[in-house]
Amino acid sequence: MIIPLDLILLFFLVLIAIAAISVRDLLAAIILLGAYSFVIATVYVEMHSVDVGFTEAAVGAGAITAFMIAALARTKREASD
């Protein structure tokens, strides 16, 4: 384990998580959650768990993000007063 790299990845994870729950735009939140999943995949690879990291990148950062964007595109938006 490389300690400075671990600390940088942890910093980015916390920063992305706070941004994802703070942003009001749903598309931006979905993209931030995809970025969070990609950083988690990098953490898994850095911990020498390449199979879990690859699965997280394919499913978490890839497929789930695409499904959430597709679901958002099919959602009607109504103006609130």
PDB file of N, CA and C in Angstrom:
ATOM      1  N   MET A   1       0.838  -1.181   0.000  1.00  0.00           N
ATOM      2  CA  MET A   1       0.000   0.000   0.000  1.00  0.00           C
ATOM      3  C   MET A   1       0.880   1.239   0.000  1.00  0.00           C
ATOM      4  N   ILE A   2       0.485   2.188  -0.789  1.00  0.00           N
ATOM      5  CA  ILE A   2       1.207   3.447  -0.887  1.00  0.00           C
ATOM      6  C   ILE A   2       0.402   4.484  -0.104  1.00  0.00           C
ATOM      7  N   ILE A   3       0.902   4.898   1.023  1.00  0.00           N
ATOM      8  CA  ILE A   3       0.154   5.753   1.942  1.00  0.00           C
ATOM      9  C   ILE A   3      -0.248   7.090   1.315  1.00  0.00           C
ATOM     10  N   PRO A   4       0.647   7.823   0.629  1.00  0.00           N
ATOM     11  CA  PRO A   4       0.201   9.094   0.034  1.00  0.00           C
ATOM     12  C   PRO A   4      -0.916   8.903  -1.005  1.00  0.00           C
ATOM     13  N   LEU A   5      -0.831   7.835  -1.786  1.00  0.00           N
ATOM     14  CA  LEU A   5      -1.881   7.559  -2.765  1.00  0.00           C
ATOM     15  C   LEU A   5      -3.196   7.227  -2.071  1.00  0.00           C
ATOM     16  N   ASP A   6      -3.126   6.462  -0.979  1.00  0.00           N
ATOM     17  CA  ASP A   6      -4.329   6.146  -0.210  1.00  0.00           C
ATOM     18  C   ASP A   6      -4.987   7.403   0.342  1.00  0.00           C
ATOM     19  N   LEU A   7      -4.180   8.316   0.844  1.00  0.00           N
ATOM     20  CA  LEU A   7      -4.732   9.548   1.404  1.00  0.00           C
ATOM     21  C   LEU A   7      -5.359  10.428   0.317  1.00  0.00           C
ATOM     22  N   ILE A   8      -4.736  10.481  -0.840  1.00  0.00           N
ATOM     23  CA  ILE A   8      -5.299  11.265  -1.954  1.00  0.00           C
ATOM     24  C   ILE A   8      -6.625  10.669  -2.409  1.00  0.00           C
ATOM     25  N   LEU A   9      -6.688   9.342  -2.541  1.00  0.00           N
ATOM     26  CA  LEU A   9      -7.931   8.687  -2.944  1.00  0.00           C
ATOM     27  C   LEU A   9      -9.019   8.884  -1.896  1.00  0.00           C
ATOM     28  N   LEU A  10      -8.666   8.800  -0.619  1.00  0.00           N
ATOM     29  CA  LEU A  10      -9.635   9.036   0.449  1.00  0.00           C
ATOM     30  C   LEU A  10     -10.158  10.465   0.400  1.00  0.00           C
ATOM     31  N   PHE A  11      -9.272  11.420   0.160  1.00  0.00           N
ATOM     32  CA  PHE A  11      -9.693  12.817   0.047  1.00  0.00           C
ATOM     33  C   PHE A  11     -10.682  12.997  -1.100  1.00  0.00           C
ATOM     34  N   PHE A  12     -10.376  12.405  -2.266  1.00  0.00           N
ATOM     35  CA  PHE A  12     -11.283  12.515  -3.404  1.00  0.00           C
ATOM     36  C   PHE A  12     -12.615  11.826  -3.133  1.00  0.00           C
ATOM     37  N   LEU A  13     -12.595  10.681  -2.435  1.00  0.00           N
ATOM     38  CA  LEU A  13     -13.846   9.997  -2.112  1.00  0.00           C
ATOM     39  C   LEU A  13     -14.745  10.858  -1.239  1.00  0.00           C
ATOM     40  N   VAL A  14     -14.177  11.458  -0.218  1.00  0.00           N
ATOM     41  CA  VAL A  14     -14.967  12.316   0.672  1.00  0.00           C
ATOM     42  C   VAL A  14     -15.469  13.539  -0.080  1.00  0.00           C
ATOM     43  N   LEU A  15     -14.626  14.134  -0.903  1.00  0.00           N
ATOM     44  CA  LEU A  15     -15.011  15.320  -1.664  1.00  0.00           C
ATOM     45  C   LEU A  15     -16.145  15.005  -2.644  1.00  0.00           C
ATOM     46  N   ILE A  16     -16.036  13.903  -3.358  1.00  0.00           N
ATOM     47  CA  ILE A  16     -17.072  13.524  -4.324  1.00  0.00           C
ATOM     48  C   ILE A  16     -18.366  13.159  -3.605  1.00  0.00           C
ATOM     49  N   ALA A  17     -18.273  12.474  -2.466  1.00  0.00           N
ATOM     50  CA  ALA A  17     -19.472  12.094  -1.725  1.00  0.00           C
ATOM     51  C   ALA A  17     -20.222  13.328  -1.222  1.00  0.00           C
ATOM     52  N   ILE A  18     -19.503  14.291  -0.697  1.00  0.00           N
ATOM     53  CA  ILE A  18     -20.148  15.526  -0.218  1.00  0.00           C
ATOM     54  C   ILE A  18     -20.760  16.286  -1.385  1.00  0.00           C
ATOM     55  N   ALA A  19     -20.057  16.341  -2.499  1.00  0.00           N
ATOM     56  CA  ALA A  19     -20.594  17.030  -3.677  1.00  0.00           C
ATOM     57  C   ALA A  19     -21.837  16.327  -4.210  1.00  0.00           C
ATOM     58  N   ALA A  20     -21.844  14.995  -4.194  1.00  0.00           N
ATOM     59  CA  ALA A  20     -22.982  14.242  -4.734  1.00  0.00           C
ATOM     60  C   ALA A  20     -24.248  14.447  -3.908  1.00  0.00           C
ATOM     61  N   ILE A  21     -24.114  14.574  -2.596  1.00  0.00           N
ATOM     62  CA  ILE A  21     -25.311  14.784  -1.786  1.00  0.00           C
ATOM     63  C   ILE A  21     -25.682  16.256  -1.664  1.00  0.00           C
ATOM     64  N   SER A  22     -24.805  17.148  -2.077  1.00  0.00           N
ATOM     65  CA  SER A  22     -25.068  18.578  -1.974  1.00  0.00           C
ATOM     66  C   SER A  22     -25.654  19.183  -3.242  1.00  0.00           C
ATOM     67  N   VAL A  23     -25.366  18.604  -4.378  1.00  0.00           N
ATOM     68  CA  VAL A  23     -25.788  19.184  -5.649  1.00  0.00           C
ATOM     69  C   VAL A  23     -27.296  18.981  -5.829  1.00  0.00           C
ATOM     70  N   ARG A  24     -27.955  19.948  -6.466  1.00  0.00           N
ATOM     71  CA  ARG A  24     -29.399  19.870  -6.639  1.00  0.00           C
ATOM     72  C   ARG A  24     -29.802  19.307  -8.003  1.00  0.00           C
ATOM     73  N   ASP A  25     -28.910  19.308  -8.958  1.00  0.00           N
ATOM     74  CA  ASP A  25     -29.209  18.776 -10.283  1.00  0.00           C
ATOM     75  C   ASP A  25     -29.013  17.262 -10.278  1.00  0.00           C
ATOM     76  N   LEU A  26     -30.047  16.528 -10.716  1.00  0.00           N
ATOM     77  CA  LEU A  26     -29.979  15.070 -10.665  1.00  0.00           C
ATOM     78  C   LEU A  26     -28.930  14.498 -11.613  1.00  0.00           C
ATOM     79  N   LEU A  27     -28.775  15.079 -12.793  1.00  0.00           N
ATOM     80  CA  LEU A  27     -27.770  14.584 -13.729  1.00  0.00           C
ATOM     81  C   LEU A  27     -26.367  14.760 -13.161  1.00  0.00           C
ATOM     82  N   ALA A  28     -26.116  15.878 -12.523  1.00  0.00           N
ATOM     83  CA  ALA A  28     -24.810  16.104 -11.898  1.00  0.00           C
ATOM     84  C   ALA A  28     -24.574  15.112 -10.765  1.00  0.00           C
ATOM     85  N   ALA A  29     -25.616  14.804 -10.003  1.00  0.00           N
ATOM     86  CA  ALA A  29     -25.478  13.829  -8.919  1.00  0.00           C
ATOM     87  C   ALA A  29     -25.172  12.441  -9.473  1.00  0.00           C
ATOM     88  N   ILE A  30     -25.805  12.065 -10.576  1.00  0.00           N
ATOM     89  CA  ILE A  30     -25.545  10.763 -11.188  1.00  0.00           C
ATOM     90  C   ILE A  30     -24.101  10.688 -11.690  1.00  0.00           C
ATOM     91  N   ILE A  31     -23.635  11.741 -12.315  1.00  0.00           N
ATOM     92  CA  ILE A  31     -22.259  11.752 -12.816  1.00  0.00           C
ATOM     93  C   ILE A  31     -21.269  11.701 -11.658  1.00  0.00           C
ATOM     94  N   LEU A  32     -21.557  12.400 -10.575  1.00  0.00           N
ATOM     95  CA  LEU A  32     -20.674  12.345  -9.411  1.00  0.00           C
ATOM     96  C   LEU A  32     -20.670  10.964  -8.776  1.00  0.00           C
ATOM     97  N   LEU A  33     -21.804  10.289  -8.745  1.00  0.00           N
ATOM     98  CA  LEU A  33     -21.833   8.930  -8.212  1.00  0.00           C
ATOM     99  C   LEU A  33     -21.062   7.962  -9.103  1.00  0.00           C
ATOM    100  N   GLY A  34     -21.085   8.198 -10.415  1.00  0.00           N
ATOM    101  CA  GLY A  34     -20.253   7.402 -11.316  1.00  0.00           C
ATOM    102  C   GLY A  34     -18.778   7.638 -11.060  1.00  0.00           C
ATOM    103  N   ALA A  35     -18.417   8.887 -10.812  1.00  0.00           N
ATOM    104  CA  ALA A  35     -17.021   9.207 -10.489  1.00  0.00           C
ATOM    105  C   ALA A  35     -16.617   8.578  -9.155  1.00  0.00           C
ATOM    106  N   TYR A  36     -17.527   8.583  -8.188  1.00  0.00           N
ATOM    107  CA  TYR A  36     -17.266   7.952  -6.896  1.00  0.00           C
ATOM    108  C   TYR A  36     -16.996   6.458  -7.078  1.00  0.00           C
ATOM    109  N   SER A  37     -17.806   5.830  -7.895  1.00  0.00           N
ATOM    110  CA  SER A  37     -17.635   4.401  -8.152  1.00  0.00           C
ATOM    111  C   SER A  37     -16.303   4.122  -8.842  1.00  0.00           C
ATOM    112  N   PHE A  38     -15.897   5.001  -9.749  1.00  0.00           N
ATOM    113  CA  PHE A  38     -14.614   4.827 -10.423  1.00  0.00           C
ATOM    114  C   PHE A  38     -13.448   4.968  -9.442  1.00  0.00           C
ATOM    115  N   VAL A  39     -13.542   5.913  -8.519  1.00  0.00           N
ATOM    116  CA  VAL A  39     -12.470   6.079  -7.531  1.00  0.00           C
ATOM    117  C   VAL A  39     -12.427   4.873  -6.592  1.00  0.00           C
ATOM    118  N   ILE A  40     -13.594   4.349  -6.230  1.00  0.00           N
ATOM    119  CA  ILE A  40     -13.632   3.142  -5.404  1.00  0.00           C
ATOM    120  C   ILE A  40     -12.979   1.973  -6.143  1.00  0.00           C
ATOM    121  N   ALA A  41     -13.224   1.874  -7.452  1.00  0.00           N
ATOM    122  CA  ALA A  41     -12.576   0.826  -8.241  1.00  0.00           C
ATOM    123  C   ALA A  41     -11.061   0.990  -8.214  1.00  0.00           C
ATOM    124  N   THR A  42     -10.593   2.227  -8.264  1.00  0.00           N
ATOM    125  CA  THR A  42      -9.159   2.489  -8.174  1.00  0.00           C
ATOM    126  C   THR A  42      -8.608   2.084  -6.808  1.00  0.00           C
ATOM    127  N   VAL A  43      -9.379   2.313  -5.764  1.00  0.00           N
ATOM    128  CA  VAL A  43      -8.961   1.906  -4.421  1.00  0.00           C
ATOM    129  C   VAL A  43      -8.835   0.387  -4.345  1.00  0.00           C
ATOM    130  N   TYR A  44      -9.798  -0.321  -4.918  1.00  0.00           N
ATOM    131  CA  TYR A  44      -9.721  -1.788  -4.916  1.00  0.00           C
ATOM    132  C   TYR A  44      -8.481  -2.279  -5.663  1.00  0.00           C
ATOM    133  N   VAL A  45      -8.198  -1.682  -6.792  1.00  0.00           N
ATOM    134  CA  VAL A  45      -7.016  -2.098  -7.558  1.00  0.00           C
ATOM    135  C   VAL A  45      -5.738  -1.779  -6.782  1.00  0.00           C
ATOM    136  N   GLU A  46      -5.712  -0.658  -6.108  1.00  0.00           N
ATOM    137  CA  GLU A  46      -4.540  -0.281  -5.318  1.00  0.00           C
ATOM    138  C   GLU A  46      -4.339  -1.239  -4.141  1.00  0.00           C
ATOM    139  N   MET A  47      -5.430  -1.847  -3.657  1.00  0.00           N
ATOM    140  CA  MET A  47      -5.334  -2.826  -2.568  1.00  0.00           C
ATOM    141  C   MET A  47      -5.087  -4.238  -3.099  1.00  0.00           C
ATOM    142  N   HIS A  48      -4.726  -4.341  -4.383  1.00  0.00           N
ATOM    143  CA  HIS A  48      -4.392  -5.612  -5.046  1.00  0.00           C
ATOM    144  C   HIS A  48      -5.580  -6.560  -5.147  1.00  0.00           C
ATOM    145  N   SER A  49      -6.770  -5.992  -5.272  1.00  0.00           N
ATOM    146  CA  SER A  49      -7.965  -6.794  -5.501  1.00  0.00           C
ATOM    147  C   SER A  49      -8.507  -6.421  -6.882  1.00  0.00           C
ATOM    148  N   VAL A  50      -7.783  -6.852  -7.901  1.00  0.00           N
ATOM    149  CA  VAL A  50      -8.050  -6.410  -9.268  1.00  0.00           C
ATOM    150  C   VAL A  50      -9.404  -6.908  -9.760  1.00  0.00           C
ATOM    151  N   ASP A  51      -9.801  -8.110  -9.382  1.00  0.00           N
ATOM    152  CA  ASP A  51     -11.084  -8.634  -9.849  1.00  0.00           C
ATOM    153  C   ASP A  51     -12.256  -7.820  -9.307  1.00  0.00           C
ATOM    154  N   VAL A  52     -12.187  -7.433  -8.047  1.00  0.00           N
ATOM    155  CA  VAL A  52     -13.247  -6.607  -7.463  1.00  0.00           C
ATOM    156  C   VAL A  52     -13.224  -5.210  -8.077  1.00  0.00           C
ATOM    157  N   GLY A  53     -12.046  -4.664  -8.293  1.00  0.00           N
ATOM    158  CA  GLY A  53     -11.929  -3.347  -8.915  1.00  0.00           C
ATOM    159  C   GLY A  53     -12.473  -3.339 -10.330  1.00  0.00           C
ATOM    160  N   PHE A  54     -12.185  -4.380 -11.094  1.00  0.00           N
ATOM    161  CA  PHE A  54     -12.693  -4.471 -12.461  1.00  0.00           C
ATOM    162  C   PHE A  54     -14.214  -4.584 -12.473  1.00  0.00           C
ATOM    163  N   THR A  55     -14.760  -5.383 -11.565  1.00  0.00           N
ATOM    164  CA  THR A  55     -16.214  -5.521 -11.476  1.00  0.00           C
ATOM    165  C   THR A  55     -16.866  -4.209 -11.063  1.00  0.00           C
ATOM    166  N   GLU A  56     -16.271  -3.521 -10.116  1.00  0.00           N
ATOM    167  CA  GLU A  56     -16.811  -2.227  -9.681  1.00  0.00           C
ATOM    168  C   GLU A  56     -16.776  -1.210 -10.818  1.00  0.00           C
ATOM    169  N   ALA A  57     -15.715  -1.210 -11.594  1.00  0.00           N
ATOM    170  CA  ALA A  57     -15.619  -0.267 -12.714  1.00  0.00           C
ATOM    171  C   ALA A  57     -16.644  -0.598 -13.786  1.00  0.00           C
ATOM    172  N   ALA A  58     -16.816  -1.880 -14.078  1.00  0.00           N
ATOM    173  CA  ALA A  58     -17.755  -2.271 -15.137  1.00  0.00           C
ATOM    174  C   ALA A  58     -19.200  -2.069 -14.712  1.00  0.00           C
ATOM    175  N   VAL A  59     -19.535  -2.514 -13.520  1.00  0.00           N
ATOM    176  CA  VAL A  59     -20.925  -2.450 -13.069  1.00  0.00           C
ATOM    177  C   VAL A  59     -21.239  -1.093 -12.455  1.00  0.00           C
ATOM    178  N   GLY A  60     -20.443  -0.670 -11.495  1.00  0.00           N
ATOM    179  CA  GLY A  60     -20.740   0.564 -10.769  1.00  0.00           C
ATOM    180  C   GLY A  60     -20.566   1.812 -11.597  1.00  0.00           C
ATOM    181  N   ALA A  61     -19.388   1.973 -12.188  1.00  0.00           N
ATOM    182  CA  ALA A  61     -19.115   3.194 -12.947  1.00  0.00           C
ATOM    183  C   ALA A  61     -19.684   3.134 -14.353  1.00  0.00           C
ATOM    184  N   GLY A  62     -19.913   1.942 -14.868  1.00  0.00           N
ATOM    185  CA  GLY A  62     -20.394   1.813 -16.239  1.00  0.00           C
ATOM    186  C   GLY A  62     -21.886   1.601 -16.349  1.00  0.00           C
ATOM    187  N   ALA A  63     -22.328   0.412 -16.003  1.00  0.00           N
ATOM    188  CA  ALA A  63     -23.713   0.021 -16.241  1.00  0.00           C
ATOM    189  C   ALA A  63     -24.708   0.790 -15.368  1.00  0.00           C
ATOM    190  N   ILE A  64     -24.436   0.900 -14.085  1.00  0.00           N
ATOM    191  CA  ILE A  64     -25.378   1.568 -13.188  1.00  0.00           C
ATOM    192  C   ILE A  64     -25.526   3.038 -13.554  1.00  0.00           C
ATOM    193  N   THR A  65     -24.426   3.694 -13.890  1.00  0.00           N
ATOM    194  CA  THR A  65     -24.495   5.097 -14.297  1.00  0.00           C
ATOM    195  C   THR A  65     -25.316   5.254 -15.568  1.00  0.00           C
ATOM    196  N   ALA A  66     -25.125   4.364 -16.515  1.00  0.00           N
ATOM    197  CA  ALA A  66     -25.903   4.423 -17.760  1.00  0.00           C
ATOM    198  C   ALA A  66     -27.383   4.175 -17.487  1.00  0.00           C
ATOM    199  N   PHE A  67     -27.708   3.217 -16.611  1.00  0.00           N
ATOM    200  CA  PHE A  67     -29.109   2.948 -16.279  1.00  0.00           C
ATOM    201  C   PHE A  67     -29.756   4.133 -15.563  1.00  0.00           C
ATOM    202  N   MET A  68     -29.027   4.789 -14.668  1.00  0.00           N
ATOM    203  CA  MET A  68     -29.592   5.942 -13.961  1.00  0.00           C
ATOM    204  C   MET A  68     -29.812   7.113 -14.908  1.00  0.00           C
ATOM    205  N   ILE A  69     -28.907   7.323 -15.855  1.00  0.00           N
ATOM    206  CA  ILE A  69     -29.095   8.393 -16.837  1.00  0.00           C
ATOM    207  C   ILE A  69     -30.288   8.072 -17.733  1.00  0.00           C
ATOM    208  N   ALA A  70     -30.446   6.815 -18.113  1.00  0.00           N
ATOM    209  CA  ALA A  70     -31.599   6.416 -18.935  1.00  0.00           C
ATOM    210  C   ALA A  70     -32.897   6.600 -18.161  1.00  0.00           C
ATOM    211  N   ALA A  71     -32.910   6.257 -16.884  1.00  0.00           N
ATOM    212  CA  ALA A  71     -34.107   6.456 -16.069  1.00  0.00           C
ATOM    213  C   ALA A  71     -34.418   7.941 -15.905  1.00  0.00           C
ATOM    214  N   LEU A  72     -33.399   8.761 -15.759  1.00  0.00           N
ATOM    215  CA  LEU A  72     -33.610  10.204 -15.635  1.00  0.00           C
ATOM    216  C   LEU A  72     -34.158  10.785 -16.933  1.00  0.00           C
ATOM    217  N   ALA A  73     -33.700  10.268 -18.059  1.00  0.00           N
ATOM    218  CA  ALA A  73     -34.187  10.769 -19.348  1.00  0.00           C
ATOM    219  C   ALA A  73     -35.655  10.440 -19.564  1.00  0.00           C
ATOM    220  N   ARG A  74     -36.134   9.354 -18.968  1.00  0.00           N
ATOM    221  CA  ARG A  74     -37.534   8.961 -19.124  1.00  0.00           C
ATOM    222  C   ARG A  74     -38.454   9.605 -18.087  1.00  0.00           C
ATOM    223  N   THR A  75     -37.905  10.349 -17.161  1.00  0.00           N
ATOM    224  CA  THR A  75     -38.688  10.969 -16.095  1.00  0.00           C
ATOM    225  C   THR A  75     -39.181  12.326 -16.541  1.00  0.00           C
ATOM    226  N   LYS A  76     -40.471  12.586 -16.308  1.00  0.00           N
ATOM    227  CA  LYS A  76     -41.025  13.902 -16.629  1.00  0.00           C
ATOM    228  C   LYS A  76     -40.705  14.859 -15.507  1.00  0.00           C
ATOM    229  N   ARG A  77     -40.423  16.085 -15.893  1.00  0.00           N
ATOM    230  CA  ARG A  77     -40.144  17.129 -14.909  1.00  0.00           C
ATOM    231  C   ARG A  77     -41.283  18.125 -14.931  1.00  0.00           C
ATOM    232  N   GLU A  78     -41.787  18.435 -13.763  1.00  0.00           N
ATOM    233  CA  GLU A  78     -42.852  19.411 -13.626  1.00  0.00           C
ATOM    234  C   GLU A  78     -42.319  20.646 -12.926  1.00  0.00           C
ATOM    235  N   ALA A  79     -42.814  21.790 -13.344  1.00  0.00           N
ATOM    236  CA  ALA A  79     -42.383  23.043 -12.718  1.00  0.00           C
ATOM    237  C   ALA A  79     -43.005  23.158 -11.345  1.00  0.00           C
ATOM    238  N   SER A  80     -42.194  23.524 -10.364  1.00  0.00           N
ATOM    239  CA  SER A  80     -42.708  23.715  -9.005  1.00  0.00           C
ATOM    240  C   SER A  80     -42.868  25.208  -8.742  1.00  0.00           C
ATOM    241  N   ASP A  81     -43.855  25.523  -7.965  1.00  0.00           N
ATOM    242  CA  ASP A  81     -44.138  26.948  -7.663  1.00  0.00           C
ATOM    243  C   ASP A  81     -43.382  27.434  -6.469  1.00  0.00           C
TER     244      ASP A  81
END
